[in-house]
Amino acid sequence: MSVLLLAKMLGCQVVVVEVADEKLEHAKLHGADATVNASKQDAAAAIRDITDGGAQVSVVALGIETTTNASLECLATLGRHVQIGMPSRDGQMQVNMRAIYSKQLSFFGTRVMTTRND
């Protein structure tokens, strides 16, 4: 939600990807221009369609290989990927380097600390 709100404040078109319909509805209520349910469709293909060729920036808050690679695959040439979510265990994951090299993508890493105790 914080990425959605910040991006909207900066004037960006925002597409939110999630697997829970209620979270997608919540995102629409808070300004998402489009939503994609990744459990029902190919998220990368849907984003390329919505954005007419690919997103300029993608942000992944999960440390899951599937979402990271979908994020890379949804980007347009010269796009930028921001990885917030840290993979569990040893911190390793396989990343689609073909997408990075063929589209000349930038891959940025950062981290976020949550205040929730789930």
N, C-alpha and C. Protein backbone atom coordinates (compact mmCIF):
# COMPACT_ATOMS: atom_id res chain seq x y z
N MET A 1 0.82 -1.20 0.00
CA MET A 1 0.00 0.00 0.00
C MET A 1 0.87 1.26 0.00
N SER A 2 1.96 1.24 0.72
CA SER A 2 2.79 2.45 0.78
C SER A 2 3.40 2.75 -0.59
N VAL A 3 3.78 1.72 -1.34
CA VAL A 3 4.32 1.94 -2.69
C VAL A 3 3.23 2.50 -3.59
N LEU A 4 2.03 1.96 -3.50
CA LEU A 4 0.90 2.46 -4.28
C LEU A 4 0.66 3.94 -4.00
N LEU A 5 0.58 4.29 -2.74
CA LEU A 5 0.30 5.68 -2.38
C LEU A 5 1.41 6.64 -2.80
N LEU A 6 2.65 6.23 -2.62
CA LEU A 6 3.77 7.07 -3.03
C LEU A 6 3.80 7.24 -4.54
N ALA A 7 3.61 6.16 -5.27
CA ALA A 7 3.62 6.23 -6.73
C ALA A 7 2.50 7.13 -7.25
N LYS A 8 1.32 7.03 -6.66
CA LYS A 8 0.21 7.89 -7.08
C LYS A 8 0.53 9.35 -6.78
N MET A 9 1.15 9.59 -5.63
CA MET A 9 1.53 10.95 -5.27
C MET A 9 2.52 11.54 -6.28
N LEU A 10 3.34 10.69 -6.87
CA LEU A 10 4.32 11.11 -7.88
C LEU A 10 3.72 11.19 -9.28
N GLY A 11 2.43 10.83 -9.43
CA GLY A 11 1.76 10.93 -10.71
C GLY A 11 1.89 9.71 -11.61
N CYS A 12 2.25 8.58 -11.05
CA CYS A 12 2.44 7.36 -11.84
C CYS A 12 1.14 6.63 -12.09
N GLN A 13 1.11 5.89 -13.20
CA GLN A 13 0.06 4.91 -13.43
C GLN A 13 0.47 3.69 -12.61
N VAL A 14 -0.42 3.17 -11.78
CA VAL A 14 -0.07 2.08 -10.88
C VAL A 14 -0.92 0.85 -11.15
N VAL A 15 -0.24 -0.28 -11.33
CA VAL A 15 -0.88 -1.57 -11.47
C VAL A 15 -0.47 -2.40 -10.26
N VAL A 16 -1.44 -2.88 -9.51
CA VAL A 16 -1.16 -3.68 -8.32
C VAL A 16 -1.42 -5.15 -8.64
N VAL A 17 -0.48 -6.00 -8.25
CA VAL A 17 -0.61 -7.45 -8.44
C VAL A 17 -0.73 -8.10 -7.08
N GLU A 18 -1.69 -8.99 -6.96
CA GLU A 18 -1.97 -9.67 -5.68
C GLU A 18 -2.72 -10.95 -6.02
N VAL A 19 -2.88 -11.84 -5.06
CA VAL A 19 -3.65 -13.06 -5.29
C VAL A 19 -4.98 -13.07 -4.55
N ALA A 20 -5.22 -12.08 -3.73
CA ALA A 20 -6.47 -11.99 -2.96
C ALA A 20 -7.34 -10.87 -3.52
N ASP A 21 -8.55 -11.22 -3.96
CA ASP A 21 -9.45 -10.23 -4.55
C ASP A 21 -9.76 -9.08 -3.60
N GLU A 22 -9.91 -9.37 -2.30
CA GLU A 22 -10.23 -8.29 -1.36
C GLU A 22 -9.07 -7.28 -1.25
N LYS A 23 -7.84 -7.73 -1.38
CA LYS A 23 -6.70 -6.81 -1.36
C LYS A 23 -6.64 -5.99 -2.65
N LEU A 24 -7.03 -6.60 -3.76
CA LEU A 24 -7.08 -5.86 -5.02
C LEU A 24 -8.16 -4.78 -4.97
N GLU A 25 -9.29 -5.09 -4.39
CA GLU A 25 -10.35 -4.09 -4.23
C GLU A 25 -9.88 -2.95 -3.33
N HIS A 26 -9.18 -3.29 -2.28
CA HIS A 26 -8.62 -2.28 -1.36
C HIS A 26 -7.65 -1.37 -2.12
N ALA A 27 -6.83 -1.96 -2.99
CA ALA A 27 -5.89 -1.16 -3.78
C ALA A 27 -6.63 -0.22 -4.73
N LYS A 28 -7.70 -0.69 -5.35
CA LYS A 28 -8.49 0.17 -6.24
C LYS A 28 -9.09 1.34 -5.47
N LEU A 29 -9.57 1.07 -4.26
CA LEU A 29 -10.13 2.14 -3.43
C LEU A 29 -9.11 3.19 -3.07
N HIS A 30 -7.84 2.81 -3.08
CA HIS A 30 -6.77 3.74 -2.72
C HIS A 30 -6.00 4.26 -3.93
N GLY A 31 -6.57 4.10 -5.13
CA GLY A 31 -6.02 4.78 -6.30
C GLY A 31 -5.35 3.93 -7.35
N ALA A 32 -5.30 2.62 -7.19
CA ALA A 32 -4.69 1.79 -8.23
C ALA A 32 -5.43 2.00 -9.55
N ASP A 33 -4.68 2.19 -10.62
CA ASP A 33 -5.28 2.38 -11.94
C ASP A 33 -5.77 1.05 -12.52
N ALA A 34 -5.10 -0.02 -12.15
CA ALA A 34 -5.48 -1.36 -12.60
C ALA A 34 -4.99 -2.37 -11.59
N THR A 35 -5.62 -3.53 -11.58
CA THR A 35 -5.19 -4.61 -10.70
C THR A 35 -5.13 -5.90 -11.49
N VAL A 36 -4.27 -6.81 -11.03
CA VAL A 36 -4.10 -8.11 -11.66
C VAL A 36 -4.08 -9.16 -10.56
N ASN A 37 -4.93 -10.17 -10.71
CA ASN A 37 -4.93 -11.28 -9.78
C ASN A 37 -4.00 -12.35 -10.36
N ALA A 38 -2.82 -12.49 -9.76
CA ALA A 38 -1.80 -13.40 -10.28
C ALA A 38 -2.19 -14.87 -10.15
N SER A 39 -3.19 -15.18 -9.34
CA SER A 39 -3.64 -16.56 -9.24
C SER A 39 -4.59 -16.93 -10.38
N LYS A 40 -5.05 -15.92 -11.12
CA LYS A 40 -6.01 -16.16 -12.19
C LYS A 40 -5.48 -15.85 -13.58
N GLN A 41 -4.34 -15.16 -13.67
CA GLN A 41 -3.79 -14.82 -14.98
C GLN A 41 -2.29 -14.61 -14.88
N ASP A 42 -1.63 -14.61 -16.02
CA ASP A 42 -0.20 -14.37 -16.11
C ASP A 42 0.04 -12.88 -15.82
N ALA A 43 0.61 -12.59 -14.66
CA ALA A 43 0.76 -11.20 -14.22
C ALA A 43 1.64 -10.39 -15.17
N ALA A 44 2.77 -10.95 -15.59
CA ALA A 44 3.68 -10.21 -16.47
C ALA A 44 3.00 -9.86 -17.79
N ALA A 45 2.31 -10.82 -18.40
CA ALA A 45 1.61 -10.57 -19.66
C ALA A 45 0.51 -9.54 -19.48
N ALA A 46 -0.23 -9.63 -18.37
CA ALA A 46 -1.31 -8.67 -18.11
C ALA A 46 -0.76 -7.26 -17.97
N ILE A 47 0.35 -7.11 -17.28
CA ILE A 47 0.94 -5.78 -17.09
C ILE A 47 1.47 -5.24 -18.41
N ARG A 48 2.11 -6.08 -19.21
CA ARG A 48 2.57 -5.62 -20.52
C ARG A 48 1.40 -5.14 -21.37
N ASP A 49 0.25 -5.81 -21.27
CA ASP A 49 -0.94 -5.41 -22.00
C ASP A 49 -1.51 -4.10 -21.46
N ILE A 50 -1.64 -4.00 -20.14
CA ILE A 50 -2.20 -2.79 -19.51
C ILE A 50 -1.34 -1.57 -19.80
N THR A 51 -0.02 -1.75 -19.81
CA THR A 51 0.90 -0.62 -19.98
C THR A 51 1.33 -0.42 -21.43
N ASP A 52 0.74 -1.18 -22.34
CA ASP A 52 1.05 -1.08 -23.77
C ASP A 52 2.53 -1.32 -24.05
N GLY A 53 3.05 -2.43 -23.50
CA GLY A 53 4.42 -2.81 -23.82
C GLY A 53 5.31 -3.10 -22.63
N GLY A 54 4.93 -2.68 -21.46
CA GLY A 54 5.74 -2.96 -20.27
C GLY A 54 5.83 -1.79 -19.34
N ALA A 55 5.98 -2.10 -18.08
CA ALA A 55 6.10 -1.07 -17.05
C ALA A 55 7.50 -0.45 -17.07
N GLN A 56 7.59 0.76 -16.62
CA GLN A 56 8.89 1.44 -16.50
C GLN A 56 9.59 1.06 -15.19
N VAL A 57 8.80 0.84 -14.15
CA VAL A 57 9.33 0.50 -12.83
C VAL A 57 8.46 -0.60 -12.23
N SER A 58 9.09 -1.56 -11.58
CA SER A 58 8.35 -2.57 -10.83
C SER A 58 8.94 -2.66 -9.44
N VAL A 59 8.08 -2.90 -8.47
CA VAL A 59 8.51 -3.00 -7.08
C VAL A 59 7.94 -4.31 -6.53
N VAL A 60 8.80 -5.13 -5.95
CA VAL A 60 8.37 -6.40 -5.37
C VAL A 60 8.62 -6.37 -3.87
N ALA A 61 7.55 -6.55 -3.12
CA ALA A 61 7.65 -6.53 -1.67
C ALA A 61 7.77 -7.92 -1.08
N LEU A 62 7.69 -8.93 -1.91
CA LEU A 62 7.84 -10.32 -1.44
C LEU A 62 9.21 -10.84 -1.84
N GLY A 63 9.73 -11.73 -1.09
CA GLY A 63 11.01 -12.34 -1.42
C GLY A 63 10.80 -13.70 -2.07
N ILE A 64 9.93 -13.75 -3.06
CA ILE A 64 9.58 -15.00 -3.71
C ILE A 64 10.08 -14.98 -5.15
N GLU A 65 10.74 -16.04 -5.55
CA GLU A 65 11.33 -16.14 -6.88
C GLU A 65 10.31 -15.90 -7.99
N THR A 66 9.12 -16.47 -7.86
CA THR A 66 8.08 -16.34 -8.89
C THR A 66 7.68 -14.89 -9.09
N THR A 67 7.48 -14.15 -8.00
CA THR A 67 7.06 -12.75 -8.14
C THR A 67 8.20 -11.87 -8.63
N THR A 68 9.42 -12.17 -8.22
CA THR A 68 10.56 -11.39 -8.69
C THR A 68 10.72 -11.56 -10.19
N ASN A 69 10.64 -12.77 -10.69
CA ASN A 69 10.81 -12.99 -12.13
C ASN A 69 9.64 -12.44 -12.93
N ALA A 70 8.43 -12.53 -12.42
CA ALA A 70 7.28 -11.92 -13.11
C ALA A 70 7.47 -10.41 -13.18
N SER A 71 8.01 -9.85 -12.12
CA SER A 71 8.27 -8.41 -12.09
C SER A 71 9.29 -8.01 -13.16
N LEU A 72 10.33 -8.79 -13.31
CA LEU A 72 11.33 -8.51 -14.34
C LEU A 72 10.72 -8.66 -15.73
N GLU A 73 9.90 -9.68 -15.91
CA GLU A 73 9.32 -9.97 -17.22
C GLU A 73 8.24 -8.98 -17.63
N CYS A 74 7.69 -8.22 -16.70
CA CYS A 74 6.65 -7.24 -17.05
C CYS A 74 7.24 -5.91 -17.49
N LEU A 75 8.54 -5.73 -17.31
CA LEU A 75 9.17 -4.43 -17.58
C LEU A 75 9.42 -4.18 -19.06
N ALA A 76 9.36 -2.91 -19.43
CA ALA A 76 9.73 -2.47 -20.77
C ALA A 76 11.26 -2.40 -20.85
N THR A 77 11.77 -2.28 -22.05
CA THR A 77 13.21 -2.09 -22.23
C THR A 77 13.67 -0.88 -21.43
N LEU A 78 14.80 -1.04 -20.77
CA LEU A 78 15.42 -0.03 -19.89
C LEU A 78 14.61 0.19 -18.60
N GLY A 79 13.74 -0.73 -18.28
CA GLY A 79 12.95 -0.62 -17.06
C GLY A 79 13.79 -0.82 -15.81
N ARG A 80 13.19 -0.49 -14.68
CA ARG A 80 13.89 -0.60 -13.38
C ARG A 80 13.08 -1.47 -12.44
N HIS A 81 13.75 -2.40 -11.82
CA HIS A 81 13.13 -3.31 -10.85
C HIS A 81 13.68 -2.96 -9.47
N VAL A 82 12.79 -2.86 -8.49
CA VAL A 82 13.20 -2.61 -7.10
C VAL A 82 12.75 -3.80 -6.26
N GLN A 83 13.71 -4.47 -5.65
CA GLN A 83 13.44 -5.64 -4.83
C GLN A 83 13.48 -5.23 -3.36
N ILE A 84 12.31 -5.21 -2.73
CA ILE A 84 12.23 -4.88 -1.31
C ILE A 84 12.24 -6.17 -0.49
N GLY A 85 11.48 -7.16 -0.94
CA GLY A 85 11.33 -8.40 -0.18
C GLY A 85 12.59 -9.25 -0.21
N MET A 86 13.02 -9.70 0.94
CA MET A 86 14.21 -10.54 1.07
C MET A 86 13.80 -12.00 1.06
N PRO A 87 14.46 -12.81 0.23
CA PRO A 87 14.16 -14.24 0.24
C PRO A 87 14.45 -14.85 1.61
N SER A 88 13.68 -15.86 1.97
CA SER A 88 13.90 -16.52 3.26
C SER A 88 15.11 -17.45 3.20
N ARG A 89 15.42 -18.00 4.31
CA ARG A 89 16.53 -18.93 4.51
C ARG A 89 17.87 -18.29 4.15
N ASP A 90 18.52 -18.76 3.09
CA ASP A 90 19.88 -18.29 2.79
C ASP A 90 19.90 -17.02 1.92
N GLY A 91 18.74 -16.52 1.56
CA GLY A 91 18.67 -15.29 0.76
C GLY A 91 18.92 -15.49 -0.72
N GLN A 92 18.96 -16.73 -1.17
CA GLN A 92 19.25 -17.03 -2.57
C GLN A 92 17.97 -17.26 -3.36
N MET A 93 17.98 -16.88 -4.64
CA MET A 93 16.91 -17.22 -5.56
C MET A 93 17.45 -17.18 -6.98
N GLN A 94 16.79 -17.89 -7.88
CA GLN A 94 17.17 -17.84 -9.29
C GLN A 94 16.43 -16.68 -9.94
N VAL A 95 17.19 -15.84 -10.64
CA VAL A 95 16.63 -14.66 -11.28
C VAL A 95 16.79 -14.79 -12.78
N ASN A 96 15.78 -14.37 -13.52
CA ASN A 96 15.78 -14.45 -14.98
C ASN A 96 16.76 -13.42 -15.56
N MET A 97 18.00 -13.83 -15.69
CA MET A 97 19.03 -12.93 -16.22
C MET A 97 18.80 -12.61 -17.70
N ARG A 98 18.13 -13.51 -18.43
CA ARG A 98 17.84 -13.23 -19.85
C ARG A 98 16.97 -11.98 -19.96
N ALA A 99 15.98 -11.85 -19.07
CA ALA A 99 15.12 -10.65 -19.08
C ALA A 99 15.95 -9.41 -18.77
N ILE A 100 16.84 -9.51 -17.80
CA ILE A 100 17.67 -8.37 -17.40
C ILE A 100 18.56 -7.93 -18.56
N TYR A 101 19.26 -8.88 -19.17
CA TYR A 101 20.19 -8.53 -20.25
C TYR A 101 19.48 -8.14 -21.53
N SER A 102 18.46 -8.89 -21.94
CA SER A 102 17.83 -8.62 -23.23
C SER A 102 17.09 -7.29 -23.24
N LYS A 103 16.57 -6.88 -22.09
CA LYS A 103 15.84 -5.60 -22.03
C LYS A 103 16.65 -4.51 -21.36
N GLN A 104 17.92 -4.80 -21.03
CA GLN A 104 18.81 -3.81 -20.42
C GLN A 104 18.20 -3.21 -19.15
N LEU A 105 17.71 -4.09 -18.28
CA LEU A 105 17.03 -3.66 -17.06
C LEU A 105 18.01 -3.29 -15.96
N SER A 106 17.56 -2.43 -15.08
CA SER A 106 18.30 -2.12 -13.85
C SER A 106 17.62 -2.87 -12.71
N PHE A 107 18.42 -3.45 -11.83
CA PHE A 107 17.91 -4.23 -10.70
C PHE A 107 18.44 -3.60 -9.42
N PHE A 108 17.54 -3.07 -8.61
CA PHE A 108 17.92 -2.40 -7.37
C PHE A 108 17.44 -3.21 -6.18
N GLY A 109 18.25 -3.29 -5.18
CA GLY A 109 17.87 -3.97 -3.95
C GLY A 109 17.80 -3.01 -2.80
N THR A 110 16.84 -3.21 -1.94
CA THR A 110 16.69 -2.42 -0.73
C THR A 110 15.99 -3.30 0.28
N ARG A 111 15.69 -2.80 1.42
CA ARG A 111 14.96 -3.60 2.40
C ARG A 111 14.01 -2.71 3.17
N VAL A 112 13.06 -3.36 3.79
CA VAL A 112 12.07 -2.66 4.59
C VAL A 112 11.89 -3.45 5.87
N MET A 113 11.65 -2.76 6.93
CA MET A 113 11.41 -3.42 8.20
C MET A 113 9.94 -3.22 8.56
N THR A 114 9.28 -4.27 8.90
CA THR A 114 7.86 -4.19 9.24
C THR A 114 7.69 -4.03 10.74
N THR A 115 6.61 -3.40 11.13
CA THR A 115 6.31 -3.24 12.55
C THR A 115 5.30 -4.25 13.03
N ARG A 116 4.80 -5.07 12.09
CA ARG A 116 3.80 -6.09 12.45
C ARG A 116 4.50 -7.28 13.07
N ASN A 117 3.81 -7.97 13.92
CA ASN A 117 4.32 -9.19 14.56
C ASN A 117 3.42 -10.36 14.23
N ASP A 118 3.33 -10.71 12.93
CA ASP A 118 2.45 -11.81 12.50
C ASP A 118 3.11 -13.14 12.78
